[in-house]
PDB file of N, CA and C in Angstrom:
ATOM      1  N   UNK A   1     127.908  69.071  99.316  1.00  0.00           N
ATOM      2  CA  UNK A   1     129.224  68.516  99.076  1.00  0.00           C
ATOM      3  C   UNK A   1     129.828  68.103 100.419  1.00  0.00           C
ATOM      4  N   UNK A   2     130.407  66.938 100.468  1.00  0.00           N
ATOM      5  CA  UNK A   2     130.978  66.448 101.725  1.00  0.00           C
ATOM      6  C   UNK A   2     132.325  67.097 101.992  1.00  0.00           C
ATOM      7  N   UNK A   3     132.766  66.971 103.260  1.00  0.00           N
ATOM      8  CA  UNK A   3     134.056  67.554 103.649  1.00  0.00           C
ATOM      9  C   UNK A   3     135.202  66.904 102.879  1.00  0.00           C
ATOM     10  N   UNK A   4     135.111  65.614 102.673  1.00  0.00           N
ATOM     11  CA  UNK A   4     136.177  64.902 101.962  1.00  0.00           C
ATOM     12  C   UNK A   4     136.292  65.395 100.511  1.00  0.00           C
ATOM     13  N   UNK A   5     135.156  65.579  99.854  1.00  0.00           N
ATOM     14  CA  UNK A   5     135.169  66.090  98.478  1.00  0.00           C
ATOM     15  C   UNK A   5     135.693  67.525  98.428  1.00  0.00           C
ATOM     16  N   UNK A   6     135.314  68.306  99.447  1.00  0.00           N
ATOM     17  CA  UNK A   6     135.771  69.699  99.496  1.00  0.00           C
ATOM     18  C   UNK A   6     137.282  69.756  99.673  1.00  0.00           C
ATOM     19  N   UNK A   7     137.824  68.911 100.576  1.00  0.00           N
ATOM     20  CA  UNK A   7     139.277  68.885 100.797  1.00  0.00           C
ATOM     21  C   UNK A   7     140.007  68.442  99.530  1.00  0.00           C
ATOM     22  N   UNK A   8     139.472  67.464  98.838  1.00  0.00           N
ATOM     23  CA  UNK A   8     140.088  66.977  97.601  1.00  0.00           C
ATOM     24  C   UNK A   8     140.088  68.066  96.539  1.00  0.00           C
ATOM     25  N   UNK A   9     138.981  68.765  96.434  1.00  0.00           N
ATOM     26  CA  UNK A   9     138.880  69.851  95.460  1.00  0.00           C
ATOM     27  C   UNK A   9     139.865  70.970  95.771  1.00  0.00           C
ATOM     28  N   UNK A  10     139.951  71.371  97.027  1.00  0.00           N
ATOM     29  CA  UNK A  10     140.895  72.426  97.424  1.00  0.00           C
ATOM     30  C   UNK A  10     142.337  71.986  97.214  1.00  0.00           C
ATOM     31  N   UNK A  11     142.630  70.738  97.509  1.00  0.00           N
ATOM     32  CA  UNK A  11     143.975  70.217  97.299  1.00  0.00           C
ATOM     33  C   UNK A  11     144.342  70.224  95.815  1.00  0.00           C
ATOM     34  N   UNK A  12     143.418  69.804  94.966  1.00  0.00           N
ATOM     35  CA  UNK A  12     143.666  69.793  93.515  1.00  0.00           C
ATOM     36  C   UNK A  12     143.856  71.214  92.989  1.00  0.00           C
ATOM     37  N   UNK A  13     143.027  72.133  93.449  1.00  0.00           N
ATOM     38  CA  UNK A  13     143.162  73.532  93.019  1.00  0.00           C
ATOM     39  C   UNK A  13     144.491  74.134  93.467  1.00  0.00           C
ATOM     40  N   UNK A  14     144.938  73.800  94.648  1.00  0.00           N
ATOM     41  CA  UNK A  14     146.219  74.342  95.114  1.00  0.00           C
ATOM     42  C   UNK A  14     147.375  73.778  94.290  1.00  0.00           C
ATOM     43  N   UNK A  15     147.308  72.483  93.907  1.00  0.00           N
ATOM     44  CA  UNK A  15     148.349  71.924  93.052  1.00  0.00           C
ATOM     45  C   UNK A  15     148.372  72.626  91.686  1.00  0.00           C
ATOM     46  N   UNK A  16     147.218  72.863  91.125  1.00  0.00           N
ATOM     47  CA  UNK A  16     147.151  73.579  89.847  1.00  0.00           C
ATOM     48  C   UNK A  16     147.702  74.990  89.989  1.00  0.00           C
ATOM     49  N   UNK A  17     147.378  75.674  91.036  1.00  0.00           N
ATOM     50  CA  UNK A  17     147.868  77.038  91.254  1.00  0.00           C
ATOM     51  C   UNK A  17     149.387  77.052  91.369  1.00  0.00           C
ATOM     52  N   UNK A  18     149.945  76.089  92.108  1.00  0.00           N
ATOM     53  CA  UNK A  18     151.399  76.014  92.251  1.00  0.00           C
ATOM     54  C   UNK A  18     152.049  75.700  90.906  1.00  0.00           C
ATOM     55  N   UNK A  19     151.476  74.775  90.163  1.00  0.00           N
ATOM     56  CA  UNK A  19     152.033  74.409  88.862  1.00  0.00           C
ATOM     57  C   UNK A  19     152.029  75.610  87.916  1.00  0.00           C
ATOM     58  N   UNK A  20     150.932  76.350  87.855  1.00  0.00           N
ATOM     59  CA  UNK A  20     150.862  77.513  86.976  1.00  0.00           C
ATOM     60  C   UNK A  20     151.827  78.604  87.431  1.00  0.00           C
ATOM     61  N   UNK A  21     152.035  78.746  88.720  1.00  0.00           N
ATOM     62  CA  UNK A  21     152.958  79.746  89.241  1.00  0.00           C
ATOM     63  C   UNK A  21     154.378  79.412  88.818  1.00  0.00           C
ATOM     64  N   UNK A  22     154.737  78.133  88.869  1.00  0.00           N
ATOM     65  CA  UNK A  22     156.075  77.707  88.467  1.00  0.00           C
ATOM     66  C   UNK A  22     156.268  77.935  86.974  1.00  0.00           C
ATOM     67  N   UNK A  23     155.275  77.610  86.170  1.00  0.00           N
ATOM     68  CA  UNK A  23     155.361  77.809  84.723  1.00  0.00           C
ATOM     69  C   UNK A  23     155.462  79.289  84.394  1.00  0.00           C
ATOM     70  N   UNK A  24     154.723  80.106  85.100  1.00  0.00           N
ATOM     71  CA  UNK A  24     154.709  81.540  84.825  1.00  0.00           C
ATOM     72  C   UNK A  24     156.039  82.198  85.128  1.00  0.00           C
ATOM     73  N   UNK A  25     156.857  81.588  85.969  1.00  0.00           N
ATOM     74  CA  UNK A  25     158.137  82.187  86.332  1.00  0.00           C
ATOM     75  C   UNK A  25     159.211  81.972  85.267  1.00  0.00           C
ATOM     76  N   UNK A  26     158.992  81.088  84.312  1.00  0.00           N
ATOM     77  CA  UNK A  26     159.954  80.867  83.240  1.00  0.00           C
ATOM     78  C   UNK A  26     159.797  81.953  82.192  1.00  0.00           C
ATOM     79  N   UNK A  27     160.675  82.940  82.213  1.00  0.00           N
ATOM     80  CA  UNK A  27     160.589  84.070  81.298  1.00  0.00           C
ATOM     81  C   UNK A  27     161.851  84.120  80.455  1.00  0.00           C
ATOM     82  N   UNK A  28     161.656  84.208  79.160  1.00  0.00           N
ATOM     83  CA  UNK A  28     162.783  84.372  78.252  1.00  0.00           C
ATOM     84  C   UNK A  28     162.622  85.726  77.585  1.00  0.00           C
ATOM     85  N   UNK A  29     163.643  86.562  77.626  1.00  0.00           N
ATOM     86  CA  UNK A  29     163.516  87.889  77.008  1.00  0.00           C
ATOM     87  C   UNK A  29     163.365  87.767  75.488  1.00  0.00           C
ATOM     88  N   UNK A  30     162.584  88.665  74.932  1.00  0.00           N
ATOM     89  CA  UNK A  30     162.315  88.668  73.499  1.00  0.00           C
ATOM     90  C   UNK A  30     163.275  89.632  72.819  1.00  0.00           C
ATOM     91  N   UNK A  31     163.866  89.173  71.727  1.00  0.00           N
ATOM     92  CA  UNK A  31     164.773  90.012  70.959  1.00  0.00           C
ATOM     93  C   UNK A  31     163.933  90.903  70.035  1.00  0.00           C
ATOM     94  N   UNK A  32     163.717  92.138  70.449  1.00  0.00           N
ATOM     95  CA  UNK A  32     162.843  93.041  69.702  1.00  0.00           C
ATOM     96  C   UNK A  32     163.413  93.383  68.329  1.00  0.00           C
ATOM     97  N   UNK A  33     164.728  93.442  68.220  1.00  0.00           N
ATOM     98  CA  UNK A  33     165.341  93.748  66.930  1.00  0.00           C
ATOM     99  C   UNK A  33     165.048  92.640  65.916  1.00  0.00           C
ATOM    100  N   UNK A  34     165.111  91.398  66.356  1.00  0.00           N
ATOM    101  CA  UNK A  34     164.817  90.267  65.476  1.00  0.00           C
ATOM    102  C   UNK A  34     163.357  90.304  65.029  1.00  0.00           C
ATOM    103  N   UNK A  35     162.463  90.626  65.929  1.00  0.00           N
ATOM    104  CA  UNK A  35     161.040  90.711  65.581  1.00  0.00           C
ATOM    105  C   UNK A  35     160.813  91.822  64.554  1.00  0.00           C
ATOM    106  N   UNK A  36     161.443  92.959  64.739  1.00  0.00           N
ATOM    107  CA  UNK A  36     161.314  94.064  63.778  1.00  0.00           C
ATOM    108  C   UNK A  36     161.841  93.656  62.401  1.00  0.00           C
ATOM    109  N   UNK A  37     162.956  92.936  62.369  1.00  0.00           N
ATOM    110  CA  UNK A  37     163.509  92.470  61.093  1.00  0.00           C
ATOM    111  C   UNK A  37     162.545  91.494  60.408  1.00  0.00           C
ATOM    112  N   UNK A  38     161.954  90.597  61.178  1.00  0.00           N
ATOM    113  CA  UNK A  38     161.010  89.635  60.611  1.00  0.00           C
ATOM    114  C   UNK A  38     159.768  90.335  60.059  1.00  0.00           C
ATOM    115  N   UNK A  39     159.272  91.313  60.771  1.00  0.00           N
ATOM    116  CA  UNK A  39     158.102  92.053  60.302  1.00  0.00           C
ATOM    117  C   UNK A  39     158.430  92.815  59.029  1.00  0.00           C
ATOM    118  N   UNK A  40     159.591  93.447  58.982  1.00  0.00           N
ATOM    119  CA  UNK A  40     160.012  94.185  57.791  1.00  0.00           C
ATOM    120  C   UNK A  40     160.158  93.253  56.594  1.00  0.00           C
ATOM    121  N   UNK A  41     160.732  92.075  56.813  1.00  0.00           N
ATOM    122  CA  UNK A  41     160.891  91.094  55.741  1.00  0.00           C
ATOM    123  C   UNK A  41     159.536  90.610  55.239  1.00  0.00           C
ATOM    124  N   UNK A  42     158.611  90.347  56.154  1.00  0.00           N
ATOM    125  CA  UNK A  42     157.264  89.897  55.776  1.00  0.00           C
ATOM    126  C   UNK A  42     156.539  90.948  54.954  1.00  0.00           C
ATOM    127  N   UNK A  43     156.638  92.207  55.352  1.00  0.00           N
ATOM    128  CA  UNK A  43     155.990  93.295  54.609  1.00  0.00           C
ATOM    129  C   UNK A  43     156.592  93.412  53.215  1.00  0.00           C
ATOM    130  N   UNK A  44     157.912  93.309  53.116  1.00  0.00           N
ATOM    131  CA  UNK A  44     158.574  93.390  51.812  1.00  0.00           C
ATOM    132  C   UNK A  44     158.156  92.233  50.916  1.00  0.00           C
ATOM    133  N   UNK A  45     158.014  91.042  51.478  1.00  0.00           N
ATOM    134  CA  UNK A  45     157.587  89.888  50.688  1.00  0.00           C
ATOM    135  C   UNK A  45     156.130  90.030  50.253  1.00  0.00           C
ATOM    136  N   UNK A  46     155.296  90.598  51.095  1.00  0.00           N
ATOM    137  CA  UNK A  46     153.904  90.852  50.717  1.00  0.00           C
ATOM    138  C   UNK A  46     153.828  91.810  49.540  1.00  0.00           C
ATOM    139  N   UNK A  47     154.613  92.865  49.604  1.00  0.00           N
ATOM    140  CA  UNK A  47     154.586  93.889  48.538  1.00  0.00           C
ATOM    141  C   UNK A  47     155.145  93.366  47.228  1.00  0.00           C
ATOM    142  N   UNK A  48     156.180  92.538  47.296  1.00  0.00           N
ATOM    143  CA  UNK A  48     156.799  92.050  46.064  1.00  0.00           C
ATOM    144  C   UNK A  48     156.043  90.872  45.460  1.00  0.00           C
ATOM    145  N   UNK A  49     155.103  90.309  46.206  1.00  0.00           N
ATOM    146  CA  UNK A  49     154.308  89.205  45.670  1.00  0.00           C
ATOM    147  C   UNK A  49     155.006  87.864  45.747  1.00  0.00           C
ATOM    148  N   UNK A  50     155.889  87.681  46.711  1.00  0.00           N
ATOM    149  CA  UNK A  50     156.610  86.422  46.851  1.00  0.00           C
ATOM    150  C   UNK A  50     155.723  85.262  47.276  1.00  0.00           C
ATOM    151  N   UNK A  51     154.586  85.553  47.871  1.00  0.00           N
ATOM    152  CA  UNK A  51     153.672  84.498  48.281  1.00  0.00           C
ATOM    153  C   UNK A  51     152.785  84.152  47.088  1.00  0.00           C
ATOM    154  N   UNK A  52     152.975  82.970  46.534  1.00  0.00           N
ATOM    155  CA  UNK A  52     152.271  82.574  45.311  1.00  0.00           C
ATOM    156  C   UNK A  52     150.881  82.012  45.583  1.00  0.00           C
ATOM    157  N   UNK A  53     150.523  81.851  46.845  1.00  0.00           N
ATOM    158  CA  UNK A  53     149.225  81.280  47.156  1.00  0.00           C
ATOM    159  C   UNK A  53     148.166  82.363  47.358  1.00  0.00           C
ATOM    160  N   UNK A  54     148.364  83.498  46.749  1.00  0.00           N
ATOM    161  CA  UNK A  54     147.441  84.614  46.901  1.00  0.00           C
ATOM    162  C   UNK A  54     146.533  84.717  45.676  1.00  0.00           C
ATOM    163  N   UNK A  55     145.456  85.452  45.833  1.00  0.00           N
ATOM    164  CA  UNK A  55     144.511  85.694  44.743  1.00  0.00           C
ATOM    165  C   UNK A  55     144.699  87.107  44.211  1.00  0.00           C
ATOM    166  N   UNK A  56     144.335  87.303  42.955  1.00  0.00           N
ATOM    167  CA  UNK A  56     144.361  88.624  42.349  1.00  0.00           C
ATOM    168  C   UNK A  56     143.155  88.739  41.419  1.00  0.00           C
ATOM    169  N   UNK A  57     142.872  89.953  40.997  1.00  0.00           N
ATOM    170  CA  UNK A  57     141.747  90.178  40.092  1.00  0.00           C
ATOM    171  C   UNK A  57     142.308  90.578  38.736  1.00  0.00           C
ATOM    172  N   UNK A  58     141.874  89.894  37.703  1.00  0.00           N
ATOM    173  CA  UNK A  58     142.313  90.203  36.343  1.00  0.00           C
ATOM    174  C   UNK A  58     141.262  91.087  35.685  1.00  0.00           C
ATOM    175  N   UNK A  59     141.695  92.285  35.279  1.00  0.00           N
ATOM    176  CA  UNK A  59     140.782  93.219  34.617  1.00  0.00           C
ATOM    177  C   UNK A  59     140.765  93.028  33.113  1.00  0.00           C
ATOM    178  N   UNK A  60     141.935  92.685  32.562  1.00  0.00           N
ATOM    179  CA  UNK A  60     142.037  92.627  31.101  1.00  0.00           C
ATOM    180  C   UNK A  60     143.105  91.624  30.700  1.00  0.00           C
ATOM    181  N   UNK A  61     142.905  90.981  29.540  1.00  0.00           N
ATOM    182  CA  UNK A  61     143.872  90.078  28.942  1.00  0.00           C
ATOM    183  C   UNK A  61     143.789  90.284  27.447  1.00  0.00           C
ATOM    184  N   UNK A  62     144.850  90.845  26.867  1.00  0.00           N
ATOM    185  CA  UNK A  62     144.809  91.093  25.428  1.00  0.00           C
ATOM    186  C   UNK A  62     145.974  91.948  24.949  1.00  0.00           C
ATOM    187  N   UNK A  63     145.708  92.757  23.934  1.00  0.00           N
ATOM    188  CA  UNK A  63     146.744  93.559  23.293  1.00  0.00           C
ATOM    189  C   UNK A  63     147.273  94.653  24.218  1.00  0.00           C
ATOM    190  N   UNK A  64     148.522  95.036  23.959  1.00  0.00           N
ATOM    191  CA  UNK A  64     149.236  95.963  24.829  1.00  0.00           C
ATOM    192  C   UNK A  64     148.542  97.319  24.960  1.00  0.00           C
ATOM    193  N   UNK A  65     148.105  97.893  23.869  1.00  0.00           N
ATOM    194  CA  UNK A  65     147.503  99.227  23.899  1.00  0.00           C
ATOM    195  C   UNK A  65     146.220  99.237  24.730  1.00  0.00           C
ATOM    196  N   UNK A  66     145.401  98.217  24.521  1.00  0.00           N
ATOM    197  CA  UNK A  66     144.154  98.135  25.290  1.00  0.00           C
ATOM    198  C   UNK A  66     144.438  97.864  26.769  1.00  0.00           C
ATOM    199  N   UNK A  67     145.485  97.096  27.046  1.00  0.00           N
ATOM    200  CA  UNK A  67     145.865  96.823  28.432  1.00  0.00           C
ATOM    201  C   UNK A  67     146.304  98.110  29.130  1.00  0.00           C
ATOM    202  N   UNK A  68     147.079  98.934  28.420  1.00  0.00           N
ATOM    203  CA  UNK A  68     147.519 100.209  28.990  1.00  0.00           C
ATOM    204  C   UNK A  68     146.320 101.115  29.244  1.00  0.00           C
ATOM    205  N   UNK A  69     145.392 101.147  28.299  1.00  0.00           N
ATOM    206  CA  UNK A  69     144.180 101.959  28.477  1.00  0.00           C
ATOM    207  C   UNK A  69     143.362 101.484  29.684  1.00  0.00           C
ATOM    208  N   UNK A  70     143.245 100.180  29.843  1.00  0.00           N
ATOM    209  CA  UNK A  70     142.489  99.619  30.968  1.00  0.00           C
ATOM    210  C   UNK A  70     143.156  99.975  32.296  1.00  0.00           C
ATOM    211  N   UNK A  71     144.475  99.873  32.335  1.00  0.00           N
ATOM    212  CA  UNK A  71     145.204 100.215  33.564  1.00  0.00           C
ATOM    213  C   UNK A  71     145.018 101.693  33.899  1.00  0.00           C
ATOM    214  N   UNK A  72     145.129 102.559  32.906  1.00  0.00           N
ATOM    215  CA  UNK A  72     144.946 103.995  33.147  1.00  0.00           C
ATOM    216  C   UNK A  72     143.527 104.301  33.618  1.00  0.00           C
ATOM    217  N   UNK A  73     142.546 103.650  33.002  1.00  0.00           N
ATOM    218  CA  UNK A  73     141.154 103.844  33.412  1.00  0.00           C
ATOM    219  C   UNK A  73     140.957 103.416  34.867  1.00  0.00           C
ATOM    220  N   UNK A  74     141.548 102.281  35.249  1.00  0.00           N
ATOM    221  CA  UNK A  74     141.437 101.814  36.619  1.00  0.00           C
ATOM    222  C   UNK A  74     142.128 102.778  37.590  1.00  0.00           C
ATOM    223  N   UNK A  75     143.325 103.228  37.233  1.00  0.00           N
ATOM    224  CA  UNK A  75     144.072 104.121  38.116  1.00  0.00           C
ATOM    225  C   UNK A  75     143.337 105.435  38.351  1.00  0.00           C
ATOM    226  N   UNK A  76     142.566 105.890  37.370  1.00  0.00           N
ATOM    227  CA  UNK A  76     141.793 107.127  37.534  1.00  0.00           C
ATOM    228  C   UNK A  76     140.669 106.971  38.560  1.00  0.00           C
ATOM    229  N   UNK A  77     140.216 105.748  38.784  1.00  0.00           N
ATOM    230  CA  UNK A  77     139.143 105.509  39.755  1.00  0.00           C
ATOM    231  C   UNK A  77     139.613 105.676  41.199  1.00  0.00           C
ATOM    232  N   UNK A  78     140.908 105.614  41.425  1.00  0.00           N
ATOM    233  CA  UNK A  78     141.508 105.767  42.762  1.00  0.00           C
ATOM    234  C   UNK A  78     140.917 104.793  43.783  1.00  0.00           C
ATOM    235  N   UNK A  79     140.799 103.547  43.392  1.00  0.00           N
ATOM    236  CA  UNK A  79     140.342 102.517  44.321  1.00  0.00           C
ATOM    237  C   UNK A  79     141.510 102.102  45.218  1.00  0.00           C
ATOM    238  N   UNK A  80     141.212 101.345  46.251  1.00  0.00           N
ATOM    239  CA  UNK A  80     142.197 101.020  47.282  1.00  0.00           C
ATOM    240  C   UNK A  80     143.295 100.060  46.818  1.00  0.00           C
ATOM    241  N   UNK A  81     143.090  99.335  45.724  1.00  0.00           N
ATOM    242  CA  UNK A  81     144.028  98.299  45.328  1.00  0.00           C
ATOM    243  C   UNK A  81     144.902  98.770  44.166  1.00  0.00           C
ATOM    244  N   UNK A  82     146.150  98.405  44.220  1.00  0.00           N
ATOM    245  CA  UNK A  82     147.130  98.805  43.207  1.00  0.00           C
ATOM    246  C   UNK A  82     146.990  97.927  41.956  1.00  0.00           C
ATOM    247  N   UNK A  83     147.074  98.555  40.791  1.00  0.00           N
ATOM    248  CA  UNK A  83     146.994  97.801  39.538  1.00  0.00           C
ATOM    249  C   UNK A  83     148.400  97.536  39.003  1.00  0.00           C
ATOM    250  N   UNK A  84     148.481  96.508  38.178  1.00  0.00           N
ATOM    251  CA  UNK A  84     149.776  96.101  37.649  1.00  0.00           C
ATOM    252  C   UNK A  84     149.606  95.585  36.225  1.00  0.00           C
ATOM    253  N   UNK A  85     150.461  96.035  35.341  1.00  0.00           N
ATOM    254  CA  UNK A  85     150.459  95.586  33.955  1.00  0.00           C
ATOM    255  C   UNK A  85     151.535  94.518  33.820  1.00  0.00           C
ATOM    256  N   UNK A  86     151.145  93.322  33.352  1.00  0.00           N
ATOM    257  CA  UNK A  86     152.091  92.213  33.224  1.00  0.00           C
ATOM    258  C   UNK A  86     152.018  91.609  31.834  1.00  0.00           C
ATOM    259  N   UNK A  87     153.125  91.031  31.461  1.00  0.00           N
ATOM    260  CA  UNK A  87     153.209  90.310  30.196  1.00  0.00           C
ATOM    261  C   UNK A  87     152.959  88.835  30.481  1.00  0.00           C
ATOM    262  N   UNK A  88     151.900  88.294  29.915  1.00  0.00           N
ATOM    263  CA  UNK A  88     151.584  86.869  30.036  1.00  0.00           C
ATOM    264  C   UNK A  88     151.449  86.349  28.612  1.00  0.00           C
ATOM    265  N   UNK A  89     152.517  85.753  28.146  1.00  0.00           N
ATOM    266  CA  UNK A  89     152.647  85.380  26.744  1.00  0.00           C
ATOM    267  C   UNK A  89     151.387  84.717  26.208  1.00  0.00           C
ATOM    268  N   UNK A  90     150.830  85.100  25.130  1.00  0.00           N
ATOM    269  CA  UNK A  90     151.276  86.089  24.151  1.00  0.00           C
ATOM    270  C   UNK A  90     150.652  87.475  24.346  1.00  0.00           C
ATOM    271  N   UNK A  91     149.976  87.707  25.427  1.00  0.00           N
ATOM    272  CA  UNK A  91     149.286  88.980  25.625  1.00  0.00           C
ATOM    273  C   UNK A  91     149.705  89.644  26.934  1.00  0.00           C
ATOM    274  N   UNK A  92     149.170  90.847  27.132  1.00  0.00           N
ATOM    275  CA  UNK A  92     149.373  91.589  28.374  1.00  0.00           C
ATOM    276  C   UNK A  92     148.140  91.419  29.257  1.00  0.00           C
ATOM    277  N   UNK A  93     148.362  91.461  30.562  1.00  0.00           N
ATOM    278  CA  UNK A  93     147.255  91.385  31.505  1.00  0.00           C
ATOM    279  C   UNK A  93     147.323  92.566  32.456  1.00  0.00           C
ATOM    280  N   UNK A  94     146.165  92.948  32.967  1.00  0.00           N
ATOM    281  CA  UNK A  94     146.100  93.969  34.011  1.00  0.00           C
ATOM    282  C   UNK A  94     145.529  93.279  35.238  1.00  0.00           C
ATOM    283  N   UNK A  95     146.344  93.255  36.299  1.00  0.00           N
ATOM    284  CA  UNK A  95     145.956  92.626  37.544  1.00  0.00           C
ATOM    285  C   UNK A  95     145.796  93.675  38.624  1.00  0.00           C
ATOM    286  N   UNK A  96     144.894  93.405  39.543  1.00  0.00           N
ATOM    287  CA  UNK A  96     144.633  94.318  40.653  1.00  0.00           C
ATOM    288  C   UNK A  96     144.701  93.539  41.956  1.00  0.00           C
ATOM    289  N   UNK A  97     145.451  94.064  42.903  1.00  0.00           N
ATOM    290  CA  UNK A  97     145.468  93.532  44.261  1.00  0.00           C
ATOM    291  C   UNK A  97     146.250  92.256  44.445  1.00  0.00           C
ATOM    292  N   UNK A  98     146.396  91.900  45.709  1.00  0.00           N
ATOM    293  CA  UNK A  98     147.064  90.681  46.135  1.00  0.00           C
ATOM    294  C   UNK A  98     146.344  90.249  47.412  1.00  0.00           C
ATOM    295  N   UNK A  99     145.377  89.356  47.282  1.00  0.00           N
ATOM    296  CA  UNK A  99     144.462  89.032  48.373  1.00  0.00           C
ATOM    297  C   UNK A  99     144.820  87.704  49.011  1.00  0.00           C
ATOM    298  N   UNK A 100     144.720  87.633  50.324  1.00  0.00           N
ATOM    299  CA  UNK A 100     145.076  86.423  51.067  1.00  0.00           C
ATOM    300  C   UNK A 100     144.043  85.321  50.924  1.00  0.00           C
ATOM    301  N   UNK A 101     142.793  85.672  50.783  1.00  0.00           N
ATOM    302  CA  UNK A 101     141.755  84.650  50.704  1.00  0.00           C
ATOM    303  C   UNK A 101     140.824  84.928  49.535  1.00  0.00           C
ATOM    304  N   UNK A 102     140.114  83.907  49.144  1.00  0.00           N
ATOM    305  CA  UNK A 102     139.156  84.043  48.054  1.00  0.00           C
ATOM    306  C   UNK A 102     138.024  84.987  48.460  1.00  0.00           C
ATOM    307  N   UNK A 103     137.634  84.949  49.720  1.00  0.00           N
ATOM    308  CA  UNK A 103     136.579  85.816  50.223  1.00  0.00           C
ATOM    309  C   UNK A 103     136.977  87.291  50.101  1.00  0.00           C
ATOM    310  N   UNK A 104     138.197  87.601  50.473  1.00  0.00           N
ATOM    311  CA  UNK A 104     138.694  88.970  50.359  1.00  0.00           C
ATOM    312  C   UNK A 104     138.713  89.421  48.899  1.00  0.00           C
ATOM    313  N   UNK A 105     139.143  88.537  48.005  1.00  0.00           N
ATOM    314  CA  UNK A 105     139.179  88.854  46.579  1.00  0.00           C
ATOM    315  C   UNK A 105     137.771  89.049  46.018  1.00  0.00           C
ATOM    316  N   UNK A 106     136.829  88.218  46.437  1.00  0.00           N
ATOM    317  CA  UNK A 106     135.452  88.348  45.950  1.00  0.00           C
ATOM    318  C   UNK A 106     134.807  89.649  46.415  1.00  0.00           C
ATOM    319  N   UNK A 107     135.112  90.077  47.622  1.00  0.00           N
ATOM    320  CA  UNK A 107     134.587  91.354  48.114  1.00  0.00           C
ATOM    321  C   UNK A 107     135.107  92.515  47.269  1.00  0.00           C
ATOM    322  N   UNK A 108     136.395  92.472  46.942  1.00  0.00           N
ATOM    323  CA  UNK A 108     136.969  93.520  46.104  1.00  0.00           C
ATOM    324  C   UNK A 108     136.392  93.442  44.691  1.00  0.00           C
ATOM    325  N   UNK A 109     136.162  92.226  44.214  1.00  0.00           N
ATOM    326  CA  UNK A 109     135.618  92.039  42.866  1.00  0.00           C
ATOM    327  C   UNK A 109     134.245  92.690  42.728  1.00  0.00           C
ATOM    328  N   UNK A 110     133.419  92.606  43.751  1.00  0.00           N
ATOM    329  CA  UNK A 110     132.096  93.242  43.708  1.00  0.00           C
ATOM    330  C   UNK A 110     132.214  94.742  43.462  1.00  0.00           C
ATOM    331  N   UNK A 111     133.186  95.354  44.104  1.00  0.00           N
ATOM    332  CA  UNK A 111     133.383  96.797  43.932  1.00  0.00           C
ATOM    333  C   UNK A 111     133.979  97.121  42.556  1.00  0.00           C
ATOM    334  N   UNK A 112     134.884  96.295  42.095  1.00  0.00           N
ATOM    335  CA  UNK A 112     135.551  96.537  40.811  1.00  0.00           C
ATOM    336  C   UNK A 112     134.616  96.259  39.641  1.00  0.00           C
ATOM    337  N   UNK A 113     133.726  95.286  39.778  1.00  0.00           N
ATOM    338  CA  UNK A 113     132.812  94.918  38.682  1.00  0.00           C
ATOM    339  C   UNK A 113     131.851  96.040  38.316  1.00  0.00           C
ATOM    340  N   UNK A 114     131.703  97.044  39.171  1.00  0.00           N
ATOM    341  CA  UNK A 114     130.848  98.177  38.832  1.00  0.00           C
ATOM    342  C   UNK A 114     131.393  98.912  37.605  1.00  0.00           C
ATOM    343  N   UNK A 115     132.708  98.903  37.421  1.00  0.00           N
ATOM    344  CA  UNK A 115     133.343  99.604  36.308  1.00  0.00           C
ATOM    345  C   UNK A 115     133.958  98.661  35.265  1.00  0.00           C
ATOM    346  N   UNK A 116     134.308  97.458  35.682  1.00  0.00           N
ATOM    347  CA  UNK A 116     134.935  96.493  34.785  1.00  0.00           C
ATOM    348  C   UNK A 116     134.158  95.174  34.864  1.00  0.00           C
ATOM    349  N   UNK A 117     133.174  95.038  33.986  1.00  0.00           N
ATOM    350  CA  UNK A 117     132.280  93.892  34.055  1.00  0.00           C
ATOM    351  C   UNK A 117     132.957  92.572  33.726  1.00  0.00           C
ATOM    352  N   UNK A 118     134.048  92.611  32.991  1.00  0.00           N
ATOM    353  CA  UNK A 118     134.749  91.387  32.602  1.00  0.00           C
ATOM    354  C   UNK A 118     135.797  90.943  33.612  1.00  0.00           C
ATOM    355  N   UNK A 119     135.889  91.601  34.756  1.00  0.00           N
ATOM    356  CA  UNK A 119     136.901  91.264  35.756  1.00  0.00           C
ATOM    357  C   UNK A 119     136.606  89.900  36.384  1.00  0.00           C
ATOM    358  N   UNK A 120     137.677  89.185  36.742  1.00  0.00           N
ATOM    359  CA  UNK A 120     137.510  87.894  37.375  1.00  0.00           C
ATOM    360  C   UNK A 120     138.663  87.630  38.340  1.00  0.00           C
ATOM    361  N   UNK A 121     138.407  86.773  39.322  1.00  0.00           N
ATOM    362  CA  UNK A 121     139.415  86.420  40.324  1.00  0.00           C
ATOM    363  C   UNK A 121     140.267  85.280  39.770  1.00  0.00           C
ATOM    364  N   UNK A 122     141.582  85.425  39.877  1.00  0.00           N
ATOM    365  CA  UNK A 122     142.518  84.385  39.435  1.00  0.00           C
ATOM    366  C   UNK A 122     143.502  84.101  40.545  1.00  0.00           C
ATOM    367  N   UNK A 123     144.095  82.919  40.476  1.00  0.00           N
ATOM    368  CA  UNK A 123     145.149  82.543  41.406  1.00  0.00           C
ATOM    369  C   UNK A 123     146.382  82.212  40.566  1.00  0.00           C
ATOM    370  N   UNK A 124     147.269  83.191  40.411  1.00  0.00           N
ATOM    371  CA  UNK A 124     148.427  82.994  39.520  1.00  0.00           C
ATOM    372  C   UNK A 124     149.361  81.897  39.964  1.00  0.00           C
TER     373      UNK A 124
END
C-alpha cells in the first residue's frame, strides 16, 4: 500500500471516528415509568386476547355438555396452555392457547394431539 493510500485511509477513519463520537454524545434520558406502563399494558392485552392476529387450537366444537367435558379433560392434563370455553353460535367451542405464529401453534398441536386427535389450529 502506498503512503498516499495509507494517509487517505487514516484520514477517512479519523473522520468516521469523530462522527461516531459526536453521535454517541447525544443522550436522551429514558422515562422508565412510561416503559413499565407500556409493558404492563402489552401484557394485559396479550392475556385478554386483544390481538386478533393470533392463532389458537380448537379442541372441540359442539354441544355444551360435551364441550364442558372436553375442557375438564384437558385441564386435568395440566399442560402449559390455558383452555377456554366459548360460545360460537350455534355451538360451544373449547380453545387452547394464544400463539403468535403458526409454527408455535403447530408445535403445541403436536403435543395436544396425543390426547385430542380432532384438535386443529384456527385463526379466530
